[in-house]
């Protein structure tokens, strides 16, 4: 299991069909997740491996 990935036990605690939020540890991503939480009340999981990827000439 990768660092920060939700465990099977964590996933089992969230009933199917309920919204879940996965976010990176970046400040701007956490801030966005917090705004969504205030509206949806969904649980948040921060994933250290969820990072922005640069794709060079394909960006934009």
C-alpha atoms as a PDB file:
ATOM      1  CA  UNK A   1       0.000   0.000   0.000  1.00  0.00           C
ATOM      2  CA  UNK A   2       1.401   3.402  -0.895  1.00  0.00           C
ATOM      3  CA  UNK A   3       2.045   6.062   1.724  1.00  0.00           C
ATOM      4  CA  UNK A   4      -1.115   7.900   2.612  1.00  0.00           C
ATOM      5  CA  UNK A   5      -3.423   5.519   0.755  1.00  0.00           C
ATOM      6  CA  UNK A   6      -6.654   4.768   2.593  1.00  0.00           C
ATOM      7  CA  UNK A   7      -6.616   1.385   4.281  1.00  0.00           C
ATOM      8  CA  UNK A   8      -9.248  -1.246   3.621  1.00  0.00           C
ATOM      9  CA  UNK A   9     -10.540  -0.650   7.131  1.00  0.00           C
ATOM     10  CA  UNK A  10     -10.934   3.093   6.443  1.00  0.00           C
ATOM     11  CA  UNK A  11     -12.771   2.398   3.189  1.00  0.00           C
ATOM     12  CA  UNK A  12     -15.034  -0.116   4.923  1.00  0.00           C
ATOM     13  CA  UNK A  13     -16.161   2.565   7.382  1.00  0.00           C
ATOM     14  CA  UNK A  14     -17.590   4.739   4.599  1.00  0.00           C
ATOM     15  CA  UNK A  15     -20.846   3.335   3.200  1.00  0.00           C
ATOM     16  CA  UNK A  16     -21.018   2.880  -0.562  1.00  0.00           C
ATOM     17  CA  UNK A  17     -22.624   5.782  -2.335  1.00  0.00           C
ATOM     18  CA  UNK A  18     -21.543   8.379   0.224  1.00  0.00           C
ATOM     19  CA  UNK A  19     -19.275  11.097  -1.174  1.00  0.00           C
ATOM     20  CA  UNK A  20     -15.617  11.024  -0.193  1.00  0.00           C
ATOM     21  CA  UNK A  21     -12.933  13.616  -0.790  1.00  0.00           C
ATOM     22  CA  UNK A  22      -9.324  12.752  -1.596  1.00  0.00           C
ATOM     23  CA  UNK A  23      -6.823  15.597  -1.612  1.00  0.00           C
ATOM     24  CA  UNK A  24      -3.103  16.131  -1.748  1.00  0.00           C
ATOM     25  CA  UNK A  25      -1.248  17.634   1.175  1.00  0.00           C
ATOM     26  CA  UNK A  26      -0.729  20.887  -0.762  1.00  0.00           C
ATOM     27  CA  UNK A  27      -2.167  23.897   1.061  1.00  0.00           C
ATOM     28  CA  UNK A  28      -4.324  25.029  -1.867  1.00  0.00           C
ATOM     29  CA  UNK A  29      -5.762  21.521  -2.281  1.00  0.00           C
ATOM     30  CA  UNK A  30      -6.586  21.261   1.427  1.00  0.00           C
ATOM     31  CA  UNK A  31      -8.264  24.682   1.310  1.00  0.00           C
ATOM     32  CA  UNK A  32     -10.432  23.551  -1.590  1.00  0.00           C
ATOM     33  CA  UNK A  33     -11.296  20.340   0.260  1.00  0.00           C
ATOM     34  CA  UNK A  34     -12.292  22.351   3.344  1.00  0.00           C
ATOM     35  CA  UNK A  35     -14.698  24.432   1.233  1.00  0.00           C
ATOM     36  CA  UNK A  36     -16.287  21.260  -0.147  1.00  0.00           C
ATOM     37  CA  UNK A  37     -16.553  19.737   3.338  1.00  0.00           C
ATOM     38  CA  UNK A  38     -18.560  22.738   4.517  1.00  0.00           C
ATOM     39  CA  UNK A  39     -21.153  22.047   1.821  1.00  0.00           C
ATOM     40  CA  UNK A  40     -21.151  18.246   1.597  1.00  0.00           C
ATOM     41  CA  UNK A  41     -19.828  17.146   4.980  1.00  0.00           C
ATOM     42  CA  UNK A  42     -17.928  14.337   3.277  1.00  0.00           C
ATOM     43  CA  UNK A  43     -14.919  12.721   4.942  1.00  0.00           C
ATOM     44  CA  UNK A  44     -11.499  13.808   3.670  1.00  0.00           C
ATOM     45  CA  UNK A  45      -8.429  11.667   3.105  1.00  0.00           C
ATOM     46  CA  UNK A  46      -5.132  13.428   2.432  1.00  0.00           C
ATOM     47  CA  UNK A  47      -2.799  11.494   0.146  1.00  0.00           C
ATOM     48  CA  UNK A  48       0.887  12.379   0.156  1.00  0.00           C
ATOM     49  CA  UNK A  49       1.317  10.652  -3.214  1.00  0.00           C
ATOM     50  CA  UNK A  50      -1.356  12.761  -4.901  1.00  0.00           C
ATOM     51  CA  UNK A  51       0.821  15.446  -6.460  1.00  0.00           C
ATOM     52  CA  UNK A  52       0.752  17.748  -9.442  1.00  0.00           C
ATOM     53  CA  UNK A  53       2.473  16.322 -12.498  1.00  0.00           C
ATOM     54  CA  UNK A  54       4.179  18.480 -15.096  1.00  0.00           C
ATOM     55  CA  UNK A  55       3.603  17.233 -18.638  1.00  0.00           C
ATOM     56  CA  UNK A  56       5.728  19.733 -20.505  1.00  0.00           C
ATOM     57  CA  UNK A  57       4.455  20.785 -23.925  1.00  0.00           C
ATOM     58  CA  UNK A  58       1.071  19.165 -23.337  1.00  0.00           C
ATOM     59  CA  UNK A  59       0.186  21.629 -20.578  1.00  0.00           C
ATOM     60  CA  UNK A  60      -2.173  24.505 -21.235  1.00  0.00           C
END
